[in-house]
Amino acid sequence: MGSIDPPLTIVESLILGTPVASYDTGGIKEVLDENNLVPYQDYVAYAKTASEILRDHAPRKPRPDLLATFGSENAAKRFEHIYQELI
């Protein structure tokens, strides 16, 4: 991946299908729909997006595909690869 991984709480929520609103920072845009992203520190947009998700009773859309990318097995392989490059 070309950027910082998204926070684990976001990944876990998406795997379970829980709707998420977040700031558009780091690697979050790699896993979250652009309609659920707001500019960093735009508190009004964040509140509006979160309110819309709650008001519209956004349907649960589980994303088990994220386990392959962000699961512990893949993370261990990535750390091992980085470690091997260092020695």
C-alpha atoms as a PDB file:
ATOM      1  CA  MET A   1       0.000   0.000   0.000  1.00  0.00           C
ATOM      2  CA  GLY A   2       1.235   3.472  -0.746  1.00  0.00           C
ATOM      3  CA  SER A   3       0.079   5.168   2.415  1.00  0.00           C
ATOM      4  CA  ILE A   4      -0.424   4.653   6.107  1.00  0.00           C
ATOM      5  CA  ASP A   5      -2.841   1.827   6.833  1.00  0.00           C
ATOM      6  CA  PRO A   6      -6.325   2.836   7.932  1.00  0.00           C
ATOM      7  CA  PRO A   7      -7.060   2.610  11.650  1.00  0.00           C
ATOM      8  CA  LEU A   8      -7.973  -0.859  12.870  1.00  0.00           C
ATOM      9  CA  THR A   9     -11.285   0.399  14.296  1.00  0.00           C
ATOM     10  CA  ILE A  10     -12.392   1.495  10.826  1.00  0.00           C
ATOM     11  CA  VAL A  11     -11.308  -1.779   9.220  1.00  0.00           C
ATOM     12  CA  GLU A  12     -13.072  -3.849  11.898  1.00  0.00           C
ATOM     13  CA  SER A  13     -16.250  -1.790  11.551  1.00  0.00           C
ATOM     14  CA  LEU A  14     -16.257  -2.200   7.779  1.00  0.00           C
ATOM     15  CA  ILE A  15     -15.620  -5.951   7.986  1.00  0.00           C
ATOM     16  CA  LEU A  16     -18.736  -6.234  10.155  1.00  0.00           C
ATOM     17  CA  GLY A  17     -20.705  -3.935   7.857  1.00  0.00           C
ATOM     18  CA  THR A  18     -21.086  -1.012  10.240  1.00  0.00           C
ATOM     19  CA  PRO A  19     -21.370   2.319   8.385  1.00  0.00           C
ATOM     20  CA  VAL A  20     -18.395   4.611   9.062  1.00  0.00           C
ATOM     21  CA  ALA A  21     -17.751   8.328   8.632  1.00  0.00           C
ATOM     22  CA  SER A  22     -14.182   9.578   8.812  1.00  0.00           C
ATOM     23  CA  TYR A  23     -11.733  12.295   7.904  1.00  0.00           C
ATOM     24  CA  ASP A  24      -9.942  11.834   4.581  1.00  0.00           C
ATOM     25  CA  THR A  25      -6.472  11.202   5.998  1.00  0.00           C
ATOM     26  CA  GLY A  26      -3.816   8.523   5.724  1.00  0.00           C
ATOM     27  CA  GLY A  27      -4.945   5.255   4.193  1.00  0.00           C
ATOM     28  CA  ILE A  28      -8.599   5.653   5.115  1.00  0.00           C
ATOM     29  CA  LYS A  29      -9.643   6.543   1.574  1.00  0.00           C
ATOM     30  CA  GLU A  30      -8.367   3.134   0.455  1.00  0.00           C
ATOM     31  CA  VAL A  31     -11.193   1.351   2.283  1.00  0.00           C
ATOM     32  CA  LEU A  32     -13.942   3.918   2.816  1.00  0.00           C
ATOM     33  CA  ASP A  33     -16.410   5.197   0.229  1.00  0.00           C
ATOM     34  CA  GLU A  34     -15.794   8.836  -0.718  1.00  0.00           C
ATOM     35  CA  ASN A  35     -19.350   9.725   0.363  1.00  0.00           C
ATOM     36  CA  ASN A  36     -18.344   8.863   3.935  1.00  0.00           C
ATOM     37  CA  LEU A  37     -15.129  10.911   3.888  1.00  0.00           C
ATOM     38  CA  VAL A  38     -14.780  14.549   4.918  1.00  0.00           C
ATOM     39  CA  PRO A  39     -11.801  16.935   4.838  1.00  0.00           C
ATOM     40  CA  TYR A  40      -9.561  16.794   7.900  1.00  0.00           C
ATOM     41  CA  GLN A  41     -10.806  18.981  10.764  1.00  0.00           C
ATOM     42  CA  ASP A  42     -14.007  19.964   8.923  1.00  0.00           C
ATOM     43  CA  TYR A  43     -16.168  19.393  11.978  1.00  0.00           C
ATOM     44  CA  VAL A  44     -19.357  20.642  10.337  1.00  0.00           C
ATOM     45  CA  ALA A  45     -18.987  18.267   7.382  1.00  0.00           C
ATOM     46  CA  TYR A  46     -18.163  15.410   9.756  1.00  0.00           C
ATOM     47  CA  ALA A  47     -21.271  16.041  11.841  1.00  0.00           C
ATOM     48  CA  LYS A  48     -23.403  16.348   8.704  1.00  0.00           C
ATOM     49  CA  THR A  49     -22.066  13.102   7.208  1.00  0.00           C
ATOM     50  CA  ALA A  50     -22.526  11.191  10.474  1.00  0.00           C
ATOM     51  CA  SER A  51     -26.064  12.575  10.855  1.00  0.00           C
ATOM     52  CA  GLU A  52     -26.950  11.525   7.311  1.00  0.00           C
ATOM     53  CA  ILE A  53     -25.668   7.999   7.937  1.00  0.00           C
ATOM     54  CA  LEU A  54     -27.747   7.727  11.110  1.00  0.00           C
ATOM     55  CA  ARG A  55     -30.839   9.405   9.636  1.00  0.00           C
ATOM     56  CA  ASP A  56     -30.827   7.269   6.501  1.00  0.00           C
ATOM     57  CA  HIS A  57     -30.327   4.069   8.520  1.00  0.00           C
ATOM     58  CA  ALA A  58     -27.454   3.141   6.232  1.00  0.00           C
ATOM     59  CA  PRO A  59     -27.634  -0.574   5.451  1.00  0.00           C
ATOM     60  CA  ARG A  60     -24.988  -2.935   6.787  1.00  0.00           C
ATOM     61  CA  LYS A  61     -22.593  -3.945   4.031  1.00  0.00           C
ATOM     62  CA  PRO A  62     -20.074  -6.438   5.432  1.00  0.00           C
ATOM     63  CA  ARG A  63     -16.619  -6.300   3.819  1.00  0.00           C
ATOM     64  CA  PRO A  64     -14.963  -9.665   4.583  1.00  0.00           C
ATOM     65  CA  ASP A  65     -12.604  -8.971   1.666  1.00  0.00           C
ATOM     66  CA  LEU A  66     -10.695  -6.579   3.931  1.00  0.00           C
ATOM     67  CA  LEU A  67      -9.483  -9.510   6.037  1.00  0.00           C
ATOM     68  CA  ALA A  68      -7.144 -10.561   3.219  1.00  0.00           C
ATOM     69  CA  THR A  69      -5.482  -7.149   3.185  1.00  0.00           C
ATOM     70  CA  PHE A  70      -5.634  -6.068   6.821  1.00  0.00           C
ATOM     71  CA  GLY A  71      -5.868  -9.344   8.742  1.00  0.00           C
ATOM     72  CA  SER A  72      -3.157 -10.411  11.167  1.00  0.00           C
ATOM     73  CA  GLU A  73      -1.708 -13.034   8.793  1.00  0.00           C
ATOM     74  CA  ASN A  74      -1.072 -10.457   6.089  1.00  0.00           C
ATOM     75  CA  ALA A  75       0.291  -7.969   8.622  1.00  0.00           C
ATOM     76  CA  ALA A  76       2.772 -10.561   9.898  1.00  0.00           C
ATOM     77  CA  LYS A  77       3.952 -11.268   6.338  1.00  0.00           C
ATOM     78  CA  ARG A  78       4.446  -7.553   5.686  1.00  0.00           C
ATOM     79  CA  PHE A  79       6.429  -7.059   8.896  1.00  0.00           C
ATOM     80  CA  GLU A  80       8.581 -10.075   8.066  1.00  0.00           C
ATOM     81  CA  HIS A  81       9.243  -8.721   4.574  1.00  0.00           C
ATOM     82  CA  ILE A  82      10.273  -5.337   5.987  1.00  0.00           C
ATOM     83  CA  TYR A  83      12.477  -7.032   8.586  1.00  0.00           C
ATOM     84  CA  GLN A  84      14.202  -9.153   5.920  1.00  0.00           C
ATOM     85  CA  GLU A  85      14.977  -6.010   3.911  1.00  0.00           C
ATOM     86  CA  LEU A  86      16.700  -4.486   6.949  1.00  0.00           C
ATOM     87  CA  ILE A  87      19.091  -7.357   7.590  1.00  0.00           C
END
